[in-house]
PDB file of all heavy atoms in Angstrom:
ATOM      1  N   PRO A   1       8.574   6.496  11.425  1.00  0.00           N
ATOM      2  CA  PRO A   1       9.794   6.480  10.608  1.00  0.00           C
ATOM      3  C   PRO A   1       9.852   5.298   9.646  1.00  0.00           C
ATOM      4  O   PRO A   1      10.348   5.429   8.528  1.00  0.00           O
ATOM      5  CB  PRO A   1      10.914   6.402  11.653  1.00  0.00           C
ATOM      6  CG  PRO A   1      10.327   6.966  12.889  1.00  0.00           C
ATOM      7  CD  PRO A   1       8.886   6.577  12.866  1.00  0.00           C
ATOM      8  N   VAL A   2       9.335   4.144  10.068  1.00  0.00           N
ATOM      9  CA  VAL A   2       9.295   2.985   9.174  1.00  0.00           C
ATOM     10  C   VAL A   2       8.372   3.277   7.992  1.00  0.00           C
ATOM     11  O   VAL A   2       8.724   3.027   6.828  1.00  0.00           O
ATOM     12  CB  VAL A   2       8.823   1.729   9.934  1.00  0.00           C
ATOM     13  CG1 VAL A   2       8.521   0.597   8.962  1.00  0.00           C
ATOM     14  CG2 VAL A   2       9.884   1.295  10.945  1.00  0.00           C
ATOM     15  N   ARG A   3       7.184   3.830   8.276  1.00  0.00           N
ATOM     16  CA  ARG A   3       6.243   4.144   7.203  1.00  0.00           C
ATOM     17  C   ARG A   3       6.841   5.133   6.212  1.00  0.00           C
ATOM     18  O   ARG A   3       6.731   4.968   4.985  1.00  0.00           O
ATOM     19  CB  ARG A   3       4.955   4.737   7.796  1.00  0.00           C
ATOM     20  CG  ARG A   3       3.856   4.969   6.757  1.00  0.00           C
ATOM     21  CD  ARG A   3       2.933   6.122   7.157  1.00  0.00           C
ATOM     22  NE  ARG A   3       3.654   7.376   7.252  1.00  0.00           N
ATOM     23  CZ  ARG A   3       4.035   8.110   6.201  1.00  0.00           C
ATOM     24  NH1 ARG A   3       3.778   7.704   4.958  1.00  0.00           N
ATOM     25  NH2 ARG A   3       4.686   9.246   6.386  1.00  0.00           N
ATOM     26  N   ALA A   4       7.498   6.183   6.740  1.00  0.00           N
ATOM     27  CA  ALA A   4       8.063   7.212   5.867  1.00  0.00           C
ATOM     28  C   ALA A   4       9.085   6.620   4.904  1.00  0.00           C
ATOM     29  O   ALA A   4       9.078   6.920   3.704  1.00  0.00           O
ATOM     30  CB  ALA A   4       8.694   8.317   6.710  1.00  0.00           C
ATOM     31  N   ARG A   5       9.950   5.755   5.398  1.00  0.00           N
ATOM     32  CA  ARG A   5      11.017   5.194   4.566  1.00  0.00           C
ATOM     33  C   ARG A   5      10.478   4.164   3.570  1.00  0.00           C
ATOM     34  O   ARG A   5      10.908   4.130   2.417  1.00  0.00           O
ATOM     35  CB  ARG A   5      12.108   4.610   5.458  1.00  0.00           C
ATOM     36  CG  ARG A   5      12.955   5.697   6.117  1.00  0.00           C
ATOM     37  CD  ARG A   5      13.624   5.227   7.403  1.00  0.00           C
ATOM     38  NE  ARG A   5      14.485   6.274   7.940  1.00  0.00           N
ATOM     39  CZ  ARG A   5      14.049   7.322   8.640  1.00  0.00           C
ATOM     40  NH1 ARG A   5      12.762   7.467   8.898  1.00  0.00           N
ATOM     41  NH2 ARG A   5      14.908   8.225   9.091  1.00  0.00           N
ATOM     42  N   LEU A   6       9.557   3.331   4.012  1.00  0.00           N
ATOM     43  CA  LEU A   6       8.973   2.363   3.086  1.00  0.00           C
ATOM     44  C   LEU A   6       8.190   3.066   1.982  1.00  0.00           C
ATOM     45  O   LEU A   6       8.205   2.643   0.820  1.00  0.00           O
ATOM     46  CB  LEU A   6       8.056   1.399   3.846  1.00  0.00           C
ATOM     47  CG  LEU A   6       8.740   0.419   4.800  1.00  0.00           C
ATOM     48  CD1 LEU A   6       7.690  -0.370   5.585  1.00  0.00           C
ATOM     49  CD2 LEU A   6       9.667  -0.527   4.057  1.00  0.00           C
ATOM     50  N   SER A   7       7.534   4.160   2.343  1.00  0.00           N
ATOM     51  CA  SER A   7       6.760   4.904   1.355  1.00  0.00           C
ATOM     52  C   SER A   7       7.672   5.655   0.393  1.00  0.00           C
ATOM     53  O   SER A   7       7.510   5.572  -0.827  1.00  0.00           O
ATOM     54  CB  SER A   7       5.818   5.879   2.070  1.00  0.00           C
ATOM     55  OG  SER A   7       5.090   6.647   1.135  1.00  0.00           O
ATOM     56  N   LEU A   8       8.649   6.396   0.931  1.00  0.00           N
ATOM     57  CA  LEU A   8       9.563   7.163   0.078  1.00  0.00           C
ATOM     58  C   LEU A   8      10.331   6.242  -0.866  1.00  0.00           C
ATOM     59  O   LEU A   8      10.593   6.589  -2.016  1.00  0.00           O
ATOM     60  CB  LEU A   8      10.542   7.953   0.948  1.00  0.00           C
ATOM     61  CG  LEU A   8       9.974   9.165   1.689  1.00  0.00           C
ATOM     62  CD1 LEU A   8      10.975   9.669   2.716  1.00  0.00           C
ATOM     63  CD2 LEU A   8       9.620  10.273   0.713  1.00  0.00           C
ATOM     64  N   GLY A   9      10.710   5.066  -0.352  1.00  0.00           N
ATOM     65  CA  GLY A   9      11.480   4.138  -1.161  1.00  0.00           C
ATOM     66  C   GLY A   9      10.657   3.273  -2.091  1.00  0.00           C
ATOM     67  O   GLY A   9      11.232   2.488  -2.852  1.00  0.00           O
ATOM     68  N   SER A  10       9.326   3.414  -2.048  1.00  0.00           N
ATOM     69  CA  SER A  10       8.441   2.551  -2.841  1.00  0.00           C
ATOM     70  C   SER A  10       8.861   1.087  -2.697  1.00  0.00           C
ATOM     71  O   SER A  10       8.969   0.343  -3.678  1.00  0.00           O
ATOM     72  CB  SER A  10       8.463   2.963  -4.321  1.00  0.00           C
ATOM     73  OG  SER A  10       7.995   4.279  -4.484  1.00  0.00           O
ATOM     74  N   VAL A  11       9.103   0.686  -1.452  1.00  0.00           N
ATOM     75  CA  VAL A  11       9.589  -0.667  -1.169  1.00  0.00           C
ATOM     76  C   VAL A  11       8.501  -1.678  -1.493  1.00  0.00           C
ATOM     77  O   VAL A  11       7.355  -1.548  -1.048  1.00  0.00           O
ATOM     78  CB  VAL A  11      10.029  -0.780   0.301  1.00  0.00           C
ATOM     79  CG1 VAL A  11      10.335  -2.226   0.667  1.00  0.00           C
ATOM     80  CG2 VAL A  11      11.249   0.109   0.557  1.00  0.00           C
ATOM     81  N   ARG A  12       8.864  -2.700  -2.262  1.00  0.00           N
ATOM     82  CA  ARG A  12       7.888  -3.710  -2.688  1.00  0.00           C
ATOM     83  C   ARG A  12       7.931  -4.943  -1.788  1.00  0.00           C
ATOM     84  O   ARG A  12       6.909  -5.602  -1.591  1.00  0.00           O
ATOM     85  CB  ARG A  12       8.167  -4.112  -4.137  1.00  0.00           C
ATOM     86  CG  ARG A  12       7.110  -5.024  -4.704  1.00  0.00           C
ATOM     87  CD  ARG A  12       7.328  -5.318  -6.154  1.00  0.00           C
ATOM     88  NE  ARG A  12       6.366  -6.317  -6.617  1.00  0.00           N
ATOM     89  CZ  ARG A  12       6.500  -7.016  -7.729  1.00  0.00           C
ATOM     90  NH1 ARG A  12       7.536  -6.805  -8.525  1.00  0.00           N
ATOM     91  NH2 ARG A  12       5.598  -7.905  -8.066  1.00  0.00           N
ATOM     92  N   VAL A  13       9.123  -5.276  -1.260  1.00  0.00           N
ATOM     93  CA  VAL A  13       9.282  -6.464  -0.418  1.00  0.00           C
ATOM     94  C   VAL A  13       9.973  -6.052   0.874  1.00  0.00           C
ATOM     95  O   VAL A  13      10.995  -5.355   0.850  1.00  0.00           O
ATOM     96  CB  VAL A  13      10.118  -7.555  -1.122  1.00  0.00           C
ATOM     97  CG1 VAL A  13      10.298  -8.768  -0.209  1.00  0.00           C
ATOM     98  CG2 VAL A  13       9.462  -7.964  -2.432  1.00  0.00           C
ATOM     99  N   LEU A  14       9.424  -6.494   1.998  1.00  0.00           N
ATOM    100  CA  LEU A  14      10.025  -6.250   3.309  1.00  0.00           C
ATOM    101  C   LEU A  14      10.279  -7.578   3.997  1.00  0.00           C
ATOM    102  O   LEU A  14       9.407  -8.443   4.025  1.00  0.00           O
ATOM    103  CB  LEU A  14       9.100  -5.388   4.178  1.00  0.00           C
ATOM    104  CG  LEU A  14       9.532  -5.194   5.638  1.00  0.00           C
ATOM    105  CD1 LEU A  14      10.806  -4.360   5.735  1.00  0.00           C
ATOM    106  CD2 LEU A  14       8.408  -4.550   6.458  1.00  0.00           C
ATOM    107  N   VAL A  15      11.483  -7.727   4.555  1.00  0.00           N
ATOM    108  CA  VAL A  15      11.804  -8.887   5.384  1.00  0.00           C
ATOM    109  C   VAL A  15      11.984  -8.382   6.808  1.00  0.00           C
ATOM    110  O   VAL A  15      12.773  -7.468   7.063  1.00  0.00           O
ATOM    111  CB  VAL A  15      13.085  -9.593   4.896  1.00  0.00           C
ATOM    112  CG1 VAL A  15      13.381 -10.817   5.768  1.00  0.00           C
ATOM    113  CG2 VAL A  15      12.944 -10.006   3.428  1.00  0.00           C
ATOM    114  N   THR A  16      11.239  -8.946   7.744  1.00  0.00           N
ATOM    115  CA  THR A  16      11.298  -8.514   9.126  1.00  0.00           C
ATOM    116  C   THR A  16      11.003  -9.709  10.023  1.00  0.00           C
ATOM    117  O   THR A  16      10.871 -10.846   9.545  1.00  0.00           O
ATOM    118  CB  THR A  16      10.302  -7.356   9.370  1.00  0.00           C
ATOM    119  OG1 THR A  16      10.465  -6.854  10.699  1.00  0.00           O
ATOM    120  CG2 THR A  16       8.866  -7.789   9.158  1.00  0.00           C
ATOM    121  N   THR A  17      10.911  -9.482  11.327  1.00  0.00           N
ATOM    122  CA  THR A  17      10.529 -10.555  12.248  1.00  0.00           C
ATOM    123  C   THR A  17       9.047 -10.409  12.592  1.00  0.00           C
ATOM    124  O   THR A  17       8.466  -9.317  12.435  1.00  0.00           O
ATOM    125  CB  THR A  17      11.353 -10.512  13.547  1.00  0.00           C
ATOM    126  OG1 THR A  17      11.026  -9.316  14.269  1.00  0.00           O
ATOM    127  CG2 THR A  17      12.848 -10.523  13.229  1.00  0.00           C
ATOM    128  N   ASP A  18       8.462 -11.482  13.077  1.00  0.00           N
ATOM    129  CA  ASP A  18       7.044 -11.404  13.422  1.00  0.00           C
ATOM    130  C   ASP A  18       6.792 -10.381  14.529  1.00  0.00           C
ATOM    131  O   ASP A  18       5.788  -9.646  14.497  1.00  0.00           O
ATOM    132  CB  ASP A  18       6.486 -12.777  13.801  1.00  0.00           C
ATOM    133  CG  ASP A  18       7.379 -13.553  14.749  1.00  0.00           C
ATOM    134  OD1 ASP A  18       8.376 -12.996  15.253  1.00  0.00           O
ATOM    135  OD2 ASP A  18       7.081 -14.740  14.982  1.00  0.00           O
ATOM    136  N   LEU A  19       7.700 -10.290  15.501  1.00  0.00           N
ATOM    137  CA  LEU A  19       7.511  -9.339  16.598  1.00  0.00           C
ATOM    138  C   LEU A  19       7.605  -7.901  16.102  1.00  0.00           C
ATOM    139  O   LEU A  19       6.783  -7.048  16.464  1.00  0.00           O
ATOM    140  CB  LEU A  19       8.547  -9.594  17.696  1.00  0.00           C
ATOM    141  CG  LEU A  19       8.460 -10.958  18.388  1.00  0.00           C
ATOM    142  CD1 LEU A  19       9.552 -11.089  19.438  1.00  0.00           C
ATOM    143  CD2 LEU A  19       7.078 -11.156  19.016  1.00  0.00           C
ATOM    144  N   LEU A  20       8.614  -7.606  15.268  1.00  0.00           N
ATOM    145  CA  LEU A  20       8.752  -6.250  14.746  1.00  0.00           C
ATOM    146  C   LEU A  20       7.604  -5.899  13.811  1.00  0.00           C
ATOM    147  O   LEU A  20       7.146  -4.754  13.780  1.00  0.00           O
ATOM    148  CB  LEU A  20      10.092  -6.097  14.022  1.00  0.00           C
ATOM    149  CG  LEU A  20      11.333  -6.028  14.920  1.00  0.00           C
ATOM    150  CD1 LEU A  20      12.602  -6.053  14.081  1.00  0.00           C
ATOM    151  CD2 LEU A  20      11.301  -4.773  15.797  1.00  0.00           C
ATOM    152  N   TYR A  21       7.111  -6.871  13.067  1.00  0.00           N
ATOM    153  CA  TYR A  21       5.978  -6.605  12.170  1.00  0.00           C
ATOM    154  C   TYR A  21       4.755  -6.168  12.978  1.00  0.00           C
ATOM    155  O   TYR A  21       4.093  -5.176  12.639  1.00  0.00           O
ATOM    156  CB  TYR A  21       5.639  -7.842  11.337  1.00  0.00           C
ATOM    157  CG  TYR A  21       4.447  -7.598  10.436  1.00  0.00           C
ATOM    158  CD1 TYR A  21       4.604  -6.950   9.218  1.00  0.00           C
ATOM    159  CD2 TYR A  21       3.160  -7.986  10.831  1.00  0.00           C
ATOM    160  CE1 TYR A  21       3.505  -6.693   8.400  1.00  0.00           C
ATOM    161  CE2 TYR A  21       2.061  -7.737  10.023  1.00  0.00           C
ATOM    162  CZ  TYR A  21       2.242  -7.094   8.807  1.00  0.00           C
ATOM    163  OH  TYR A  21       1.155  -6.821   8.013  1.00  0.00           O
ATOM    164  N   ARG A  22       4.449  -6.913  14.036  1.00  0.00           N
ATOM    165  CA  ARG A  22       3.257  -6.598  14.825  1.00  0.00           C
ATOM    166  C   ARG A  22       3.362  -5.212  15.462  1.00  0.00           C
ATOM    167  O   ARG A  22       2.381  -4.472  15.529  1.00  0.00           O
ATOM    168  CB  ARG A  22       3.053  -7.657  15.902  1.00  0.00           C
ATOM    169  CG  ARG A  22       2.599  -9.007  15.365  1.00  0.00           C
ATOM    170  CD  ARG A  22       2.217  -9.956  16.494  1.00  0.00           C
ATOM    171  NE  ARG A  22       1.681 -11.208  15.974  1.00  0.00           N
ATOM    172  CZ  ARG A  22       2.410 -12.321  15.803  1.00  0.00           C
ATOM    173  NH1 ARG A  22       3.696 -12.328  16.120  1.00  0.00           N
ATOM    174  NH2 ARG A  22       1.838 -13.419  15.325  1.00  0.00           N
ATOM    175  N   ARG A  23       4.576  -4.863  15.914  1.00  0.00           N
ATOM    176  CA  ARG A  23       4.736  -3.588  16.632  1.00  0.00           C
ATOM    177  C   ARG A  23       4.845  -2.388  15.696  1.00  0.00           C
ATOM    178  O   ARG A  23       4.342  -1.303  16.017  1.00  0.00           O
ATOM    179  CB  ARG A  23       6.006  -3.640  17.497  1.00  0.00           C
ATOM    180  CG  ARG A  23       5.977  -4.631  18.640  1.00  0.00           C
ATOM    181  CD  ARG A  23       7.343  -4.655  19.310  1.00  0.00           C
ATOM    182  NE  ARG A  23       7.486  -5.765  20.229  1.00  0.00           N
ATOM    183  CZ  ARG A  23       8.666  -6.226  20.680  1.00  0.00           C
ATOM    184  NH1 ARG A  23       9.783  -5.655  20.261  1.00  0.00           N
ATOM    185  NH2 ARG A  23       8.730  -7.232  21.510  1.00  0.00           N
ATOM    186  N   LYS A  24       5.493  -2.567  14.555  1.00  0.00           N
ATOM    187  CA  LYS A  24       5.919  -1.395  13.791  1.00  0.00           C
ATOM    188  C   LYS A  24       5.397  -1.328  12.363  1.00  0.00           C
ATOM    189  O   LYS A  24       5.419  -0.264  11.751  1.00  0.00           O
ATOM    190  CB  LYS A  24       7.448  -1.339  13.779  1.00  0.00           C
ATOM    191  CG  LYS A  24       8.013  -1.393  15.191  1.00  0.00           C
ATOM    192  CD  LYS A  24       9.499  -1.166  15.269  1.00  0.00           C
ATOM    193  CE  LYS A  24       9.937  -1.187  16.735  1.00  0.00           C
ATOM    194  NZ  LYS A  24      11.294  -0.690  16.912  1.00  0.00           N
ATOM    195  N   VAL A  25       4.951  -2.440  11.824  1.00  0.00           N
ATOM    196  CA  VAL A  25       4.487  -2.425  10.437  1.00  0.00           C
ATOM    197  C   VAL A  25       2.974  -2.604  10.355  1.00  0.00           C
ATOM    198  O   VAL A  25       2.296  -1.889   9.599  1.00  0.00           O
ATOM    199  CB  VAL A  25       5.206  -3.505   9.601  1.00  0.00           C
ATOM    200  CG1 VAL A  25       4.759  -3.427   8.130  1.00  0.00           C
ATOM    201  CG2 VAL A  25       6.723  -3.350   9.701  1.00  0.00           C
ATOM    202  N   ALA A  26       2.450  -3.548  11.117  1.00  0.00           N
ATOM    203  CA  ALA A  26       1.004  -3.788  11.066  1.00  0.00           C
ATOM    204  C   ALA A  26       0.176  -2.518  11.297  1.00  0.00           C
ATOM    205  O   ALA A  26      -0.821  -2.293  10.594  1.00  0.00           O
ATOM    206  CB  ALA A  26       0.625  -4.868  12.080  1.00  0.00           C
ATOM    207  N   PRO A  27       0.572  -1.622  12.248  1.00  0.00           N
ATOM    208  CA  PRO A  27      -0.243  -0.419  12.474  1.00  0.00           C
ATOM    209  C   PRO A  27      -0.289   0.539  11.285  1.00  0.00           C
ATOM    210  O   PRO A  27      -1.224   1.357  11.194  1.00  0.00           O
ATOM    211  CB  PRO A  27       0.447   0.252  13.680  1.00  0.00           C
ATOM    212  CG  PRO A  27       1.184  -0.854  14.365  1.00  0.00           C
ATOM    213  CD  PRO A  27       1.643  -1.763  13.266  1.00  0.00           C
TER     214      PRO A  27
END
């Protein structure tokens, strides 16, 4: 779901936490 929304929104900048990044964005 994170990938779908970042892709659909053509998001250029994301602010997150290091823990959430490792679990949900890095993959």
